[in-house]
Amino acid sequence: MYKRLKVKGKRSKVKKELVKYARLIVKAGFVIGSGGNISAKVGDIVYLKARDAALGKAGPKDFVGYSLSKDKLISKKAASHEWRLHLG
């Protein structure tokens, strides 16, 4: 399932949208248990789920940012183990 979102504004709005779609993905049965991941690219930043956060229970603080231009994580939490797949 791929959906292009037009999100203008602060990163908190992006993270809230990620929470919304993460819960929809879990509700639809596309993931089992705490598995699954989701990301969104806004400008130079890719937002993705933090490591050890369950997709269906993740809140806005459970998403981290990765700067493509700086080639580094810009959040205090660690990104999921599959973070490189989301930069593609």
C-alpha atoms as a PDB file:
ATOM      1  CA  MET A   1       0.000   0.000   0.000  1.00  0.00           C
ATOM      2  CA  TYR A   2       1.546   3.295  -1.073  1.00  0.00           C
ATOM      3  CA  LYS A   3      -0.023   6.657  -0.567  1.00  0.00           C
ATOM      4  CA  ARG A   4       1.539  10.019  -1.269  1.00  0.00           C
ATOM      5  CA  LEU A   5       0.645  12.459   1.472  1.00  0.00           C
ATOM      6  CA  LYS A   6       0.812  16.201   1.084  1.00  0.00           C
ATOM      7  CA  VAL A   7       1.851  17.372   4.514  1.00  0.00           C
ATOM      8  CA  LYS A   8       2.788  20.970   5.059  1.00  0.00           C
ATOM      9  CA  GLY A   9       3.997  22.250   8.369  1.00  0.00           C
ATOM     10  CA  LYS A  10       5.872  20.992  11.322  1.00  0.00           C
ATOM     11  CA  ARG A  11       7.296  17.558  11.891  1.00  0.00           C
ATOM     12  CA  SER A  12       4.719  16.933  14.620  1.00  0.00           C
ATOM     13  CA  LYS A  13       2.010  16.920  11.940  1.00  0.00           C
ATOM     14  CA  VAL A  14       3.997  14.413   9.870  1.00  0.00           C
ATOM     15  CA  LYS A  15       4.465  12.190  12.895  1.00  0.00           C
ATOM     16  CA  LYS A  16       0.743  12.345  13.702  1.00  0.00           C
ATOM     17  CA  GLU A  17      -0.044  11.251  10.138  1.00  0.00           C
ATOM     18  CA  LEU A  18       2.416   8.369  10.489  1.00  0.00           C
ATOM     19  CA  VAL A  19       0.681   7.271  13.700  1.00  0.00           C
ATOM     20  CA  LYS A  20      -2.691   7.402  11.945  1.00  0.00           C
ATOM     21  CA  TYR A  21      -1.556   5.257   9.018  1.00  0.00           C
ATOM     22  CA  ALA A  22       0.448   2.883  11.220  1.00  0.00           C
ATOM     23  CA  ARG A  23      -2.703   2.075  13.166  1.00  0.00           C
ATOM     24  CA  LEU A  24      -4.682   1.603   9.950  1.00  0.00           C
ATOM     25  CA  ILE A  25      -2.044  -0.824   8.652  1.00  0.00           C
ATOM     26  CA  VAL A  26      -2.202  -2.861  11.856  1.00  0.00           C
ATOM     27  CA  LYS A  27      -6.008  -2.780  11.929  1.00  0.00           C
ATOM     28  CA  ALA A  28      -6.125  -4.038   8.335  1.00  0.00           C
ATOM     29  CA  GLY A  29      -4.015  -7.048   9.377  1.00  0.00           C
ATOM     30  CA  PHE A  30      -0.962  -6.283   7.247  1.00  0.00           C
ATOM     31  CA  VAL A  31       1.401  -6.910  10.191  1.00  0.00           C
ATOM     32  CA  ILE A  32       1.561  -9.438  13.007  1.00  0.00           C
ATOM     33  CA  GLY A  33       2.482  -8.628  16.593  1.00  0.00           C
ATOM     34  CA  SER A  34       4.868  -5.726  17.022  1.00  0.00           C
ATOM     35  CA  GLY A  35       6.261  -6.045  13.480  1.00  0.00           C
ATOM     36  CA  GLY A  36       5.919  -3.657  10.602  1.00  0.00           C
ATOM     37  CA  ASN A  37       7.299  -0.282   9.715  1.00  0.00           C
ATOM     38  CA  ILE A  38       6.229   2.897   7.972  1.00  0.00           C
ATOM     39  CA  SER A  39       8.000   6.015   6.755  1.00  0.00           C
ATOM     40  CA  ALA A  40       7.343   9.364   5.117  1.00  0.00           C
ATOM     41  CA  LYS A  41       9.699  11.667   3.246  1.00  0.00           C
ATOM     42  CA  VAL A  42       9.120  15.369   3.697  1.00  0.00           C
ATOM     43  CA  GLY A  43      11.663  17.544   1.959  1.00  0.00           C
ATOM     44  CA  ASP A  44      15.112  16.422   3.064  1.00  0.00           C
ATOM     45  CA  ILE A  45      13.897  14.350   6.022  1.00  0.00           C
ATOM     46  CA  VAL A  46      12.694  10.756   6.099  1.00  0.00           C
ATOM     47  CA  TYR A  47      10.613   9.965   9.184  1.00  0.00           C
ATOM     48  CA  LEU A  48      10.424   6.335  10.269  1.00  0.00           C
ATOM     49  CA  LYS A  49       9.561   4.205  13.268  1.00  0.00           C
ATOM     50  CA  ALA A  50      12.056   4.062  16.100  1.00  0.00           C
ATOM     51  CA  ARG A  51      13.671   0.805  17.132  1.00  0.00           C
ATOM     52  CA  ASP A  52      11.697  -1.297  19.632  1.00  0.00           C
ATOM     53  CA  ALA A  53       8.441   0.600  19.039  1.00  0.00           C
ATOM     54  CA  ALA A  54       5.418  -1.563  18.197  1.00  0.00           C
ATOM     55  CA  LEU A  55       3.778  -0.256  15.034  1.00  0.00           C
ATOM     56  CA  GLY A  56       0.208  -0.448  16.339  1.00  0.00           C
ATOM     57  CA  LYS A  57       1.072   1.258  19.613  1.00  0.00           C
ATOM     58  CA  ALA A  58       3.549   3.835  18.324  1.00  0.00           C
ATOM     59  CA  GLY A  59       2.910   7.471  19.146  1.00  0.00           C
ATOM     60  CA  PRO A  60       4.452  10.600  17.606  1.00  0.00           C
ATOM     61  CA  LYS A  61       7.528  10.291  19.856  1.00  0.00           C
ATOM     62  CA  ASP A  62       8.182   6.825  18.417  1.00  0.00           C
ATOM     63  CA  PHE A  63       9.134   8.219  15.009  1.00  0.00           C
ATOM     64  CA  VAL A  64      12.619   9.482  14.223  1.00  0.00           C
ATOM     65  CA  GLY A  65      14.012  11.702  11.486  1.00  0.00           C
ATOM     66  CA  TYR A  66      16.889  11.013   9.113  1.00  0.00           C
ATOM     67  CA  SER A  67      18.435  13.886   7.141  1.00  0.00           C
ATOM     68  CA  LEU A  68      19.276  12.855   3.596  1.00  0.00           C
ATOM     69  CA  SER A  69      21.545  15.845   2.946  1.00  0.00           C
ATOM     70  CA  LYS A  70      23.476  15.404   6.199  1.00  0.00           C
ATOM     71  CA  ASP A  71      23.350  11.599   5.894  1.00  0.00           C
ATOM     72  CA  LYS A  72      22.605  11.150   9.577  1.00  0.00           C
ATOM     73  CA  LEU A  73      19.911  10.496  12.118  1.00  0.00           C
ATOM     74  CA  ILE A  74      18.586  13.732  13.619  1.00  0.00           C
ATOM     75  CA  SER A  75      16.760  12.165  16.545  1.00  0.00           C
ATOM     76  CA  LYS A  76      17.853  10.906  19.946  1.00  0.00           C
ATOM     77  CA  LYS A  77      16.151   7.518  19.561  1.00  0.00           C
ATOM     78  CA  ALA A  78      17.612   4.816  17.343  1.00  0.00           C
ATOM     79  CA  ALA A  79      15.862   4.086  14.059  1.00  0.00           C
ATOM     80  CA  SER A  80      14.394   0.679  13.274  1.00  0.00           C
ATOM     81  CA  HIS A  81      16.800  -2.004  12.099  1.00  0.00           C
ATOM     82  CA  GLU A  82      15.432  -1.666   8.533  1.00  0.00           C
ATOM     83  CA  TRP A  83      16.036   2.083   8.319  1.00  0.00           C
ATOM     84  CA  ARG A  84      18.212   1.814   5.200  1.00  0.00           C
ATOM     85  CA  LEU A  85      15.299   0.328   3.241  1.00  0.00           C
ATOM     86  CA  HIS A  86      13.302   3.506   3.815  1.00  0.00           C
ATOM     87  CA  LEU A  87      15.955   5.803   2.343  1.00  0.00           C
ATOM     88  CA  GLY A  88      15.891   4.070  -1.049  1.00  0.00           C
END
